[in-house]
N, C-alpha and C. Protein backbone atom coordinates (compact mmCIF):
# COMPACT_ATOMS: atom_id res chain seq x y z
N MET A 1 -4.39 -28.49 51.09
CA MET A 1 -5.21 -28.10 49.53
C MET A 1 -6.65 -27.50 49.83
N HIS A 2 -6.67 -26.58 48.50
CA HIS A 2 -7.84 -25.69 48.50
C HIS A 2 -8.86 -26.27 48.32
N GLU A 3 -10.10 -25.72 49.17
CA GLU A 3 -11.24 -26.55 49.44
C GLU A 3 -12.09 -25.71 48.03
N MET A 4 -13.24 -26.54 47.43
CA MET A 4 -14.02 -25.68 46.76
C MET A 4 -15.37 -26.04 47.34
N PRO A 5 -16.21 -24.99 47.04
CA PRO A 5 -17.74 -25.36 47.41
C PRO A 5 -18.26 -26.18 46.30
N VAL A 6 -19.39 -26.97 46.78
CA VAL A 6 -20.12 -28.05 46.00
C VAL A 6 -21.62 -27.81 46.42
N GLN A 7 -22.37 -27.50 45.41
CA GLN A 7 -23.59 -27.31 45.92
C GLN A 7 -24.43 -28.56 45.08
N VAL A 8 -25.33 -29.67 45.30
CA VAL A 8 -26.02 -30.46 44.60
C VAL A 8 -27.49 -30.63 45.12
N THR A 9 -27.99 -30.82 44.47
CA THR A 9 -29.63 -31.61 44.78
C THR A 9 -29.27 -32.96 44.77
N VAL A 10 -29.68 -33.78 46.11
CA VAL A 10 -29.47 -35.06 45.96
C VAL A 10 -30.82 -35.49 46.70
N ASN A 11 -31.28 -36.55 45.87
CA ASN A 11 -32.78 -36.73 46.52
C ASN A 11 -33.40 -36.01 46.36
N GLY A 12 -33.90 -34.85 46.25
CA GLY A 12 -34.44 -33.74 46.11
C GLY A 12 -34.42 -32.64 47.11
N ARG A 13 -33.27 -33.14 48.02
CA ARG A 13 -32.69 -32.38 48.66
C ARG A 13 -31.16 -31.41 48.62
N GLU A 14 -31.22 -30.09 49.14
CA GLU A 14 -29.95 -29.35 48.83
C GLU A 14 -28.89 -29.65 49.85
N PHE A 15 -27.76 -30.09 49.19
CA PHE A 15 -26.49 -30.14 49.97
C PHE A 15 -25.48 -29.14 49.45
N GLU A 16 -24.84 -28.55 50.38
CA GLU A 16 -23.56 -27.70 50.25
C GLU A 16 -22.58 -27.91 51.19
N ALA A 17 -21.24 -27.99 50.44
CA ALA A 17 -20.08 -28.41 51.27
C ALA A 17 -19.13 -27.90 50.45
N SER A 18 -17.80 -27.74 51.49
CA SER A 18 -16.37 -27.14 50.76
C SER A 18 -15.70 -28.45 50.76
N VAL A 19 -15.26 -29.14 49.69
CA VAL A 19 -14.08 -30.28 49.57
C VAL A 19 -12.94 -30.09 48.92
N GLU A 20 -12.03 -30.63 49.25
CA GLU A 20 -10.86 -30.98 48.31
C GLU A 20 -11.31 -31.15 46.70
N PRO A 21 -10.99 -30.73 45.88
CA PRO A 21 -11.06 -31.39 44.45
C PRO A 21 -10.89 -32.27 44.05
N ARG A 22 -10.43 -33.34 44.96
CA ARG A 22 -9.98 -34.74 44.46
C ARG A 22 -10.98 -35.67 45.17
N VAL A 23 -12.10 -35.17 46.16
CA VAL A 23 -13.05 -36.19 46.84
C VAL A 23 -13.81 -36.38 45.55
N THR A 24 -14.23 -37.88 45.63
CA THR A 24 -15.19 -38.49 44.67
C THR A 24 -16.72 -37.85 45.15
N LEU A 25 -17.54 -37.93 44.19
CA LEU A 25 -18.80 -38.10 44.54
C LEU A 25 -19.24 -39.18 45.70
N ALA A 26 -18.92 -40.07 45.18
CA ALA A 26 -19.46 -41.25 46.05
C ALA A 26 -18.54 -40.61 47.51
N ASP A 27 -17.70 -40.47 48.09
CA ASP A 27 -17.38 -39.94 49.17
C ASP A 27 -17.78 -38.83 49.62
N PHE A 28 -18.52 -37.90 48.74
CA PHE A 28 -19.26 -36.89 49.22
C PHE A 28 -20.71 -37.24 49.59
N LEU A 29 -21.22 -38.04 49.05
CA LEU A 29 -22.41 -38.26 49.06
C LEU A 29 -22.74 -39.10 50.52
N ARG A 30 -21.68 -39.89 50.81
CA ARG A 30 -21.51 -40.93 51.88
C ARG A 30 -21.21 -39.92 53.52
N GLU A 31 -20.09 -39.15 53.19
CA GLU A 31 -19.53 -38.36 54.20
C GLU A 31 -20.17 -37.05 54.46
N LYS A 32 -20.60 -36.19 53.51
CA LYS A 32 -21.08 -34.82 53.52
C LYS A 32 -22.70 -34.85 53.65
N CYS A 33 -23.27 -35.91 52.91
CA CYS A 33 -24.60 -36.00 53.09
C CYS A 33 -25.05 -37.04 53.78
N GLY A 34 -24.19 -38.02 54.06
CA GLY A 34 -24.84 -39.10 55.06
C GLY A 34 -25.59 -40.12 54.71
N LEU A 35 -25.56 -40.26 53.35
CA LEU A 35 -26.14 -41.20 52.57
C LEU A 35 -25.38 -42.54 52.22
N THR A 36 -25.35 -43.49 53.01
CA THR A 36 -24.45 -44.94 53.03
C THR A 36 -25.12 -45.81 51.89
N GLY A 37 -26.07 -45.68 51.37
CA GLY A 37 -26.39 -46.44 50.29
C GLY A 37 -25.78 -46.82 49.31
N THR A 38 -24.78 -45.65 48.72
CA THR A 38 -24.07 -45.76 47.70
C THR A 38 -22.93 -46.49 48.21
N HIS A 39 -22.37 -47.81 47.70
CA HIS A 39 -21.35 -48.68 48.00
C HIS A 39 -20.13 -48.50 47.49
N LEU A 40 -19.07 -48.61 48.25
CA LEU A 40 -17.86 -48.59 47.30
C LEU A 40 -17.23 -49.96 47.46
N GLY A 41 -17.10 -50.64 46.25
CA GLY A 41 -16.55 -52.01 46.41
C GLY A 41 -14.91 -52.17 45.69
N CYS A 42 -14.77 -51.29 44.83
CA CYS A 42 -13.72 -51.57 44.11
C CYS A 42 -12.98 -49.92 44.13
N GLU A 43 -13.90 -48.98 43.79
CA GLU A 43 -13.33 -47.65 43.58
C GLU A 43 -12.47 -47.55 42.72
N HIS A 44 -12.89 -48.27 41.17
CA HIS A 44 -11.85 -48.27 40.19
C HIS A 44 -13.19 -48.46 39.03
N GLY A 45 -14.28 -48.02 39.15
CA GLY A 45 -15.19 -48.06 38.35
C GLY A 45 -15.84 -49.06 37.91
N ALA A 46 -14.81 -50.24 38.25
CA ALA A 46 -15.33 -51.79 37.52
C ALA A 46 -16.78 -52.50 38.36
N CYS A 47 -16.98 -52.24 39.69
CA CYS A 47 -18.10 -53.24 39.92
C CYS A 47 -19.50 -52.55 40.04
N GLY A 48 -19.66 -51.21 39.98
CA GLY A 48 -21.00 -50.59 39.71
C GLY A 48 -21.52 -50.50 40.67
N ALA A 49 -21.14 -50.86 41.98
CA ALA A 49 -21.78 -50.80 43.15
C ALA A 49 -22.02 -49.33 43.72
N CYS A 50 -21.42 -48.55 43.56
CA CYS A 50 -21.45 -46.94 43.53
C CYS A 50 -22.24 -46.12 42.89
N THR A 51 -23.17 -46.88 41.99
CA THR A 51 -23.81 -46.21 40.66
C THR A 51 -24.91 -45.38 41.22
N VAL A 52 -24.78 -43.94 40.83
CA VAL A 52 -26.05 -43.25 41.14
C VAL A 52 -26.62 -42.63 40.06
N LEU A 53 -27.36 -41.61 39.81
CA LEU A 53 -28.12 -41.24 38.85
C LEU A 53 -27.90 -39.84 38.87
N VAL A 54 -27.03 -39.08 37.95
CA VAL A 54 -26.51 -37.53 38.26
C VAL A 54 -27.48 -36.99 36.76
N ASP A 55 -28.36 -36.04 37.10
CA ASP A 55 -29.27 -35.73 35.81
C ASP A 55 -29.71 -36.59 35.28
N GLY A 56 -30.10 -37.66 35.66
CA GLY A 56 -30.57 -39.10 35.30
C GLY A 56 -30.09 -40.04 34.30
N ASP A 57 -28.74 -39.65 34.46
CA ASP A 57 -27.77 -40.71 33.84
C ASP A 57 -26.96 -41.55 34.93
N ALA A 58 -26.76 -42.76 34.56
CA ALA A 58 -26.43 -43.86 35.34
C ALA A 58 -24.77 -43.56 35.46
N VAL A 59 -24.01 -43.34 36.68
CA VAL A 59 -22.78 -42.57 36.77
C VAL A 59 -22.07 -43.43 37.91
N ARG A 60 -20.70 -43.73 37.60
CA ARG A 60 -19.94 -44.32 38.57
C ARG A 60 -19.56 -43.12 39.72
N SER A 61 -20.26 -43.24 40.58
CA SER A 61 -20.01 -41.98 41.49
C SER A 61 -18.45 -42.35 42.19
N CYS A 62 -17.81 -43.19 42.19
CA CYS A 62 -16.14 -43.57 42.35
C CYS A 62 -15.38 -42.76 41.09
N LEU A 63 -15.79 -42.59 40.41
CA LEU A 63 -15.00 -41.98 39.38
C LEU A 63 -15.55 -40.61 38.80
N MET A 64 -16.41 -40.06 39.63
CA MET A 64 -16.89 -38.59 39.36
C MET A 64 -16.35 -37.77 40.71
N PHE A 65 -15.70 -36.70 40.45
CA PHE A 65 -15.25 -35.95 41.32
C PHE A 65 -16.77 -35.01 41.82
N ALA A 66 -16.69 -34.79 43.04
CA ALA A 66 -17.87 -34.33 43.55
C ALA A 66 -18.05 -32.45 43.07
N VAL A 67 -17.05 -32.21 42.78
CA VAL A 67 -16.87 -30.64 42.06
C VAL A 67 -17.50 -30.87 40.38
N GLN A 68 -17.52 -31.97 39.92
CA GLN A 68 -18.12 -32.19 38.85
C GLN A 68 -19.45 -32.32 38.98
N ALA A 69 -20.07 -32.22 39.58
CA ALA A 69 -21.66 -32.64 40.16
C ALA A 69 -21.96 -31.32 40.64
N GLU A 70 -21.47 -30.15 40.50
CA GLU A 70 -21.60 -29.20 41.03
C GLU A 70 -23.24 -28.62 40.14
N GLY A 71 -24.38 -28.26 41.08
CA GLY A 71 -25.43 -28.01 40.34
C GLY A 71 -26.32 -28.70 39.72
N SER A 72 -25.83 -30.13 39.89
CA SER A 72 -26.59 -31.38 39.22
C SER A 72 -27.52 -31.81 40.17
N GLN A 73 -28.43 -32.54 39.86
CA GLN A 73 -29.35 -33.47 40.53
C GLN A 73 -29.11 -34.86 40.32
N VAL A 74 -29.01 -35.34 41.55
CA VAL A 74 -28.25 -36.63 42.08
C VAL A 74 -29.39 -37.68 42.30
N THR A 75 -29.60 -38.82 42.19
CA THR A 75 -30.52 -39.83 42.67
C THR A 75 -29.79 -40.52 43.24
N THR A 76 -29.65 -41.07 44.35
CA THR A 76 -29.06 -42.43 45.02
C THR A 76 -30.21 -43.29 45.18
N VAL A 77 -29.54 -44.29 45.79
CA VAL A 77 -30.37 -45.53 45.87
C VAL A 77 -31.45 -44.99 47.24
N GLU A 78 -31.19 -44.37 47.93
CA GLU A 78 -32.22 -44.15 49.02
C GLU A 78 -33.23 -42.78 48.40
N GLY A 79 -33.07 -42.27 47.36
CA GLY A 79 -34.10 -41.82 46.71
C GLY A 79 -34.91 -42.47 45.58
N ILE A 80 -34.72 -43.57 45.43
CA ILE A 80 -35.39 -44.34 44.37
C ILE A 80 -36.93 -44.63 44.79
N ALA A 81 -37.42 -45.14 45.74
CA ALA A 81 -38.38 -45.33 46.65
C ALA A 81 -39.35 -44.04 46.50
N SER A 82 -40.47 -44.37 47.01
CA SER A 82 -41.18 -43.12 47.15
C SER A 82 -41.21 -42.57 48.50
N ALA A 83 -41.72 -41.24 48.59
CA ALA A 83 -41.39 -40.58 50.10
C ALA A 83 -41.90 -41.40 50.80
N ASP A 84 -43.41 -42.02 50.83
CA ASP A 84 -43.77 -42.97 51.88
C ASP A 84 -43.14 -43.93 52.19
N GLY A 85 -41.99 -44.54 51.59
CA GLY A 85 -41.29 -45.70 51.58
C GLY A 85 -41.69 -46.89 50.89
N GLU A 86 -42.82 -46.45 49.84
CA GLU A 86 -43.10 -47.52 48.87
C GLU A 86 -42.34 -47.92 48.03
N LEU A 87 -41.62 -48.76 48.06
CA LEU A 87 -40.58 -49.62 46.72
C LEU A 87 -41.17 -49.29 45.37
N SER A 88 -40.08 -48.66 44.74
CA SER A 88 -40.16 -48.49 43.37
C SER A 88 -40.59 -49.74 42.39
N PRO A 89 -41.01 -49.99 41.39
CA PRO A 89 -41.17 -51.15 40.56
C PRO A 89 -39.87 -52.11 40.42
N VAL A 90 -38.58 -50.85 40.35
CA VAL A 90 -37.17 -52.08 40.21
C VAL A 90 -37.10 -52.28 41.41
N GLN A 91 -37.36 -51.91 42.58
CA GLN A 91 -37.22 -52.56 43.92
C GLN A 91 -38.22 -53.68 44.00
N ALA A 92 -38.96 -53.49 44.20
CA ALA A 92 -39.91 -54.46 44.05
C ALA A 92 -40.12 -55.82 43.33
N ALA A 93 -39.65 -55.61 42.02
CA ALA A 93 -39.33 -56.49 41.22
C ALA A 93 -37.97 -57.37 41.35
N LEU A 94 -37.11 -56.71 42.09
CA LEU A 94 -36.21 -57.83 42.49
C LEU A 94 -36.11 -58.37 43.84
N ARG A 95 -37.10 -57.62 44.57
CA ARG A 95 -37.50 -58.93 45.66
C ARG A 95 -38.12 -59.97 45.28
N GLU A 96 -39.28 -59.60 44.43
CA GLU A 96 -40.13 -60.63 44.10
C GLU A 96 -39.04 -61.59 43.17
N CYS A 97 -38.34 -61.49 42.40
CA CYS A 97 -37.74 -62.21 41.49
C CYS A 97 -36.29 -62.82 42.03
N HIS A 98 -36.47 -62.38 43.34
CA HIS A 98 -34.92 -62.94 44.08
C HIS A 98 -33.90 -62.74 43.32
N GLY A 99 -33.96 -61.33 42.96
CA GLY A 99 -32.64 -60.58 42.40
C GLY A 99 -31.72 -60.13 43.67
N LEU A 100 -31.59 -60.41 44.45
CA LEU A 100 -30.55 -59.85 45.87
C LEU A 100 -30.52 -60.81 46.60
N GLN A 101 -29.20 -60.68 47.15
CA GLN A 101 -28.76 -61.93 47.89
C GLN A 101 -28.05 -60.99 49.03
N CYS A 102 -26.62 -60.92 49.09
CA CYS A 102 -26.12 -60.41 50.31
C CYS A 102 -26.57 -58.91 50.15
N GLY A 103 -26.84 -58.26 49.13
CA GLY A 103 -27.22 -56.99 49.05
C GLY A 103 -26.26 -55.98 48.94
N PHE A 104 -24.94 -55.88 48.85
CA PHE A 104 -23.72 -54.97 48.45
C PHE A 104 -24.06 -54.28 47.24
N CYS A 105 -24.24 -55.31 45.92
CA CYS A 105 -24.46 -54.66 44.61
C CYS A 105 -25.76 -54.13 44.52
N THR A 106 -26.59 -54.55 45.36
CA THR A 106 -28.04 -53.84 44.78
C THR A 106 -28.25 -52.37 44.55
N PRO A 107 -27.32 -51.55 45.97
CA PRO A 107 -28.02 -50.10 45.30
C PRO A 107 -27.58 -49.64 43.76
N GLY A 108 -26.19 -50.32 43.27
CA GLY A 108 -25.70 -50.13 42.25
C GLY A 108 -26.87 -50.45 40.78
N PHE A 109 -27.46 -51.62 41.23
CA PHE A 109 -28.25 -52.27 40.37
C PHE A 109 -29.42 -51.73 40.45
N VAL A 110 -29.91 -51.37 41.09
CA VAL A 110 -31.26 -50.26 41.40
C VAL A 110 -31.19 -49.38 40.70
N THR A 111 -30.16 -48.39 40.62
CA THR A 111 -30.14 -47.17 40.09
C THR A 111 -29.65 -47.45 38.54
N SER A 112 -29.18 -48.19 38.20
CA SER A 112 -28.71 -48.97 36.87
C SER A 112 -30.03 -49.16 36.00
N ILE A 113 -30.78 -50.17 36.97
CA ILE A 113 -31.88 -50.65 35.84
C ILE A 113 -33.01 -49.29 35.87
N THR A 114 -33.00 -48.66 36.68
CA THR A 114 -33.93 -47.52 36.89
C THR A 114 -33.63 -46.55 35.36
N ALA A 115 -32.29 -46.24 35.37
CA ALA A 115 -32.04 -45.54 34.00
C ALA A 115 -32.04 -46.43 32.89
N LEU A 116 -31.60 -47.52 32.90
CA LEU A 116 -32.07 -48.28 31.75
C LEU A 116 -33.13 -48.60 31.08
N LEU A 117 -34.12 -48.41 32.16
CA LEU A 117 -35.64 -48.68 31.87
C LEU A 117 -36.30 -47.36 31.34
N ARG A 118 -35.61 -46.32 31.67
CA ARG A 118 -36.18 -45.05 31.30
C ARG A 118 -35.47 -44.71 29.56
N GLU A 119 -34.48 -45.39 29.43
CA GLU A 119 -33.86 -45.12 28.13
C GLU A 119 -34.39 -46.48 27.15
N ASN A 120 -34.98 -47.29 27.60
CA ASN A 120 -35.23 -48.48 27.20
C ASN A 120 -36.44 -49.40 27.81
N PRO A 121 -37.77 -48.94 27.64
CA PRO A 121 -38.74 -49.31 28.60
C PRO A 121 -39.19 -50.85 28.38
N GLN A 122 -38.50 -51.45 27.37
CA GLN A 122 -39.01 -52.94 26.87
C GLN A 122 -37.99 -53.53 26.66
N PRO A 123 -36.52 -53.75 27.13
CA PRO A 123 -35.30 -54.16 26.91
C PRO A 123 -35.18 -56.00 26.84
N SER A 124 -34.43 -56.28 25.49
CA SER A 124 -34.73 -57.87 25.19
C SER A 124 -33.50 -58.10 26.57
N ASP A 125 -33.34 -59.57 26.81
CA ASP A 125 -32.45 -60.27 27.62
C ASP A 125 -31.03 -59.45 27.41
N ASP A 126 -30.64 -59.74 25.93
CA ASP A 126 -29.29 -59.17 25.46
C ASP A 126 -29.23 -57.67 25.97
N GLU A 127 -30.38 -56.88 25.70
CA GLU A 127 -30.12 -55.41 25.94
C GLU A 127 -30.02 -55.25 27.29
N ILE A 128 -30.76 -55.98 28.26
CA ILE A 128 -30.80 -55.78 29.72
C ILE A 128 -29.32 -56.24 30.11
N ARG A 129 -28.25 -57.58 29.83
CA ARG A 129 -27.15 -57.84 29.80
C ARG A 129 -26.20 -56.86 29.53
N GLU A 130 -26.40 -56.44 28.67
CA GLU A 130 -25.42 -55.43 27.80
C GLU A 130 -25.49 -54.00 28.98
N GLY A 131 -27.07 -53.50 29.18
CA GLY A 131 -27.13 -52.57 30.06
C GLY A 131 -26.39 -52.48 31.42
N LEU A 132 -26.58 -53.69 32.10
CA LEU A 132 -25.80 -54.08 32.98
C LEU A 132 -24.35 -54.64 33.23
N SER A 133 -23.65 -54.63 32.27
CA SER A 133 -22.86 -55.19 32.11
C SER A 133 -21.39 -54.45 33.22
N GLY A 134 -22.04 -53.50 33.51
CA GLY A 134 -20.94 -52.58 34.18
C GLY A 134 -21.15 -52.78 35.91
N ASN A 135 -22.22 -53.64 36.09
CA ASN A 135 -22.44 -54.04 37.73
C ASN A 135 -22.11 -55.54 37.69
N PHE A 136 -21.56 -55.63 38.84
CA PHE A 136 -21.26 -57.05 39.39
C PHE A 136 -21.91 -57.22 40.46
N CYS A 137 -22.37 -58.70 40.45
CA CYS A 137 -23.00 -59.36 41.49
C CYS A 137 -22.18 -60.74 41.64
N ARG A 138 -21.74 -61.12 42.90
CA ARG A 138 -21.10 -62.03 43.04
C ARG A 138 -21.73 -63.23 43.40
N CYS A 139 -22.96 -63.07 44.01
CA CYS A 139 -24.06 -64.00 44.35
C CYS A 139 -25.21 -64.45 43.81
N THR A 140 -25.71 -63.81 42.78
CA THR A 140 -27.00 -64.29 42.33
C THR A 140 -27.20 -65.07 41.23
N GLY A 141 -25.96 -64.81 40.15
CA GLY A 141 -26.16 -65.51 38.88
C GLY A 141 -26.70 -64.90 38.02
N TYR A 142 -27.36 -63.78 38.06
CA TYR A 142 -27.73 -62.67 37.31
C TYR A 142 -29.08 -63.02 36.81
N GLN A 143 -29.46 -64.26 36.85
CA GLN A 143 -30.73 -64.77 36.03
C GLN A 143 -31.98 -64.06 36.88
N GLY A 144 -31.88 -64.03 38.15
CA GLY A 144 -32.93 -63.37 38.88
C GLY A 144 -32.85 -61.69 38.62
N ILE A 145 -32.16 -61.15 38.36
CA ILE A 145 -31.93 -59.76 37.94
C ILE A 145 -32.58 -59.51 36.68
N VAL A 146 -32.04 -60.45 35.69
CA VAL A 146 -32.68 -60.13 34.46
C VAL A 146 -34.01 -60.46 34.73
N ASN A 147 -34.86 -61.41 34.93
CA ASN A 147 -36.06 -61.40 35.10
C ASN A 147 -37.00 -60.23 35.91
N ALA A 148 -36.30 -59.72 36.79
CA ALA A 148 -36.71 -58.51 37.81
C ALA A 148 -36.75 -57.18 36.80
N VAL A 149 -35.83 -57.16 36.03
CA VAL A 149 -35.74 -55.95 34.87
C VAL A 149 -36.97 -56.31 33.96
N HIS A 150 -37.49 -57.56 33.56
CA HIS A 150 -38.47 -57.75 32.69
C HIS A 150 -39.85 -57.10 33.70
N LEU A 151 -39.79 -57.66 34.71
CA LEU A 151 -41.15 -57.87 35.68
C LEU A 151 -41.12 -56.20 36.01
N ALA A 152 -40.05 -55.54 36.37
CA ALA A 152 -40.18 -54.08 36.61
C ALA A 152 -40.86 -53.51 35.29
N ALA A 153 -39.93 -53.53 34.00
CA ALA A 153 -40.82 -53.21 32.71
C ALA A 153 -42.24 -53.26 32.58
N GLU A 154 -42.75 -54.53 33.00
CA GLU A 154 -44.15 -54.59 32.96
C GLU A 154 -44.63 -53.95 33.85
N LYS A 155 -44.47 -53.73 35.22
CA LYS A 155 -44.89 -53.15 36.09
C LYS A 155 -45.22 -51.32 35.71
N MET A 156 -44.03 -51.03 35.05
CA MET A 156 -44.03 -49.58 34.74
C MET A 156 -44.78 -49.40 33.74
N ARG A 157 -44.85 -50.28 32.85
CA ARG A 157 -46.16 -50.18 31.49
C ARG A 157 -47.41 -50.33 32.08
N GLY A 158 -47.67 -50.65 33.25
CA GLY A 158 -49.17 -50.42 33.90
C GLY A 158 -49.84 -52.01 33.79
């Protein structure tokens, strides 16, 4: 099959590789960039574990081809914390509110919550639940995650 060049900026770093057109962004991030924080749960866009930010928008990376991300800015869960390793307000709030358990869904929630709070800095419970409806967690029961979104929003407002 004919390979195509892909160049993207991931977490502020340039990555370039030749890939088959059918390679997903999730596979590109994991295999070509070595960033395994983006998890593959269902590979059908239903679970949200593979959510990353593409030019600031939350995207299911298992549903997007790497070639579609050409020239884009991609942020994975590895790029959410500060360069010195300090947790983002979203990550810190998830920890403080016990919004994580097994951790498999966490990368998708971190990126989705980050995008949600950029769009809506003070969401209601209903807006949070709607905004995160594409992310599934089998462990937490969601209330800790909702509480964490409120705490992160508070932290981000200062």
